[in-house]
Each structure stands twice: as C-alpha cells, then as structure tokens.
C-alpha cells in the first residue's frame, strides 16, 4: 500500500485531463492490459476507464485513482499528469 500522500487540486485538473487520459491508455497498452483487465485493478468500471481514456470525464480521476496508477505502473504522479509519455 502506498504510504505517500498525493495532493492534487482537482479544480486545476481540466488542464491535464487530455494528457492524463492519453497517458492512462498508453500505460495500459504498454503493459498489454485490456480495459476489462485494468478497470478492476483501478477499482473503477470499464465504462469509467473508457471515459477517462477518451478524456470525457475527470469525475473519477481523484487522488485514489492517481495513487493506484502510480502504484501499478511504478510511475510518479507528475509523469502521469504532466508528461506526454508517448514522447518519452
């Protein structure tokens, strides 16, 4: 379990939302995970995961989800939120 706390101002999340969705999809495909396999790991529905990847919602993109992504993919929150992972 993650011991570090991640603080994200969700009112500013709209700026990062498109990049966040692309990065979630990129990480999922790099680890050869289907949406059906990844959604339970993140403790969200497949529908919510699809919406996140298409940047249609940030409703469930809370700190819990961000922490789970960091834990599963061994990546920093900054990288998921602020970096275009496809260009790394």
Protein backbone atom coordinates (compact mmCIF):
# COMPACT_ATOMS: atom_id res chain seq x y z
CA UNK A 1 0.00 0.00 0.00
CA UNK A 2 1.22 3.48 -0.79
CA UNK A 3 2.45 5.39 2.20
CA UNK A 4 2.94 8.73 0.42
CA UNK A 5 0.01 11.07 0.01
CA UNK A 6 -0.58 12.80 -3.28
CA UNK A 7 -2.25 16.17 -3.24
CA UNK A 8 -3.88 17.28 -6.46
CA UNK A 9 -6.02 20.35 -6.88
CA UNK A 10 -8.86 18.84 -8.90
CA UNK A 11 -10.13 22.29 -9.92
CA UNK A 12 -6.96 22.60 -11.99
CA UNK A 13 -7.36 19.10 -13.40
CA UNK A 14 -9.05 20.25 -16.62
CA UNK A 15 -5.66 21.49 -17.82
CA UNK A 16 -4.21 17.98 -17.51
CA UNK A 17 -7.26 15.90 -18.42
CA UNK A 18 -6.50 15.20 -22.13
CA UNK A 19 -2.88 14.26 -21.36
CA UNK A 20 -3.96 12.19 -18.37
CA UNK A 21 -6.41 10.17 -20.48
CA UNK A 22 -3.81 9.54 -23.19
CA UNK A 23 -1.26 8.52 -20.58
CA UNK A 24 -3.63 6.08 -18.91
CA UNK A 25 -4.33 4.46 -22.26
CA UNK A 26 -0.63 4.43 -23.16
CA UNK A 27 0.38 2.77 -19.89
CA UNK A 28 -2.40 0.20 -20.22
CA UNK A 29 -1.34 -0.78 -23.74
CA UNK A 30 2.38 -0.83 -22.87
CA UNK A 31 1.60 -3.40 -20.19
CA UNK A 32 -0.64 -5.36 -22.58
CA UNK A 33 -3.72 -4.87 -20.42
CA UNK A 34 -7.23 -4.73 -21.81
CA UNK A 35 -9.69 -2.25 -20.38
CA UNK A 36 -11.54 -5.23 -18.93
CA UNK A 37 -8.37 -6.32 -17.07
CA UNK A 38 -7.27 -2.87 -15.95
CA UNK A 39 -10.56 -1.48 -14.63
CA UNK A 40 -10.70 -3.84 -11.61
CA UNK A 41 -7.07 -3.03 -10.78
CA UNK A 42 -8.06 0.63 -10.55
CA UNK A 43 -11.31 -0.23 -8.76
CA UNK A 44 -13.42 1.54 -11.38
CA UNK A 45 -15.87 0.34 -14.02
CA UNK A 46 -14.86 -0.36 -17.61
CA UNK A 47 -17.17 2.46 -18.69
CA UNK A 48 -15.37 4.92 -16.40
CA UNK A 49 -11.99 3.77 -17.70
CA UNK A 50 -13.15 4.27 -21.29
CA UNK A 51 -14.34 7.78 -20.47
CA UNK A 52 -11.06 8.63 -18.75
CA UNK A 53 -9.04 7.38 -21.73
CA UNK A 54 -11.20 9.43 -24.11
CA UNK A 55 -10.84 12.48 -21.82
CA UNK A 56 -14.61 12.63 -21.44
CA UNK A 57 -14.57 12.73 -17.67
CA UNK A 58 -12.35 13.52 -14.73
CA UNK A 59 -15.10 12.71 -12.24
CA UNK A 60 -13.30 9.59 -11.03
CA UNK A 61 -9.81 10.94 -11.61
CA UNK A 62 -9.36 11.51 -7.92
CA UNK A 63 -6.29 11.10 -5.76
CA UNK A 64 -7.19 7.47 -5.07
CA UNK A 65 -7.13 6.67 -8.79
CA UNK A 66 -3.90 8.59 -9.26
CA UNK A 67 -2.27 6.69 -6.38
CA UNK A 68 -3.42 3.35 -7.81
CA UNK A 69 -1.93 4.23 -11.21
CA UNK A 70 1.37 5.23 -9.59
CA UNK A 71 1.44 2.01 -7.63
CA UNK A 72 0.50 -0.31 -10.51
CA UNK A 73 2.84 1.21 -13.08
CA UNK A 74 5.65 2.36 -10.74
CA UNK A 75 5.45 5.90 -12.08
CA UNK A 76 5.20 9.32 -10.46
CA UNK A 77 2.02 11.37 -10.34
CA UNK A 78 3.88 14.18 -12.10
CA UNK A 79 4.70 11.89 -15.01
CA UNK A 80 1.09 10.76 -15.40
CA UNK A 81 -0.35 14.26 -15.10
CA UNK A 82 2.26 16.48 -16.74
CA UNK A 83 4.32 14.42 -19.20
CA UNK A 84 3.39 13.12 -22.63
CA UNK A 85 4.53 9.53 -22.01
CA UNK A 86 4.28 8.59 -25.67
CA UNK A 87 7.11 11.03 -26.45
CA UNK A 88 9.46 9.74 -23.76
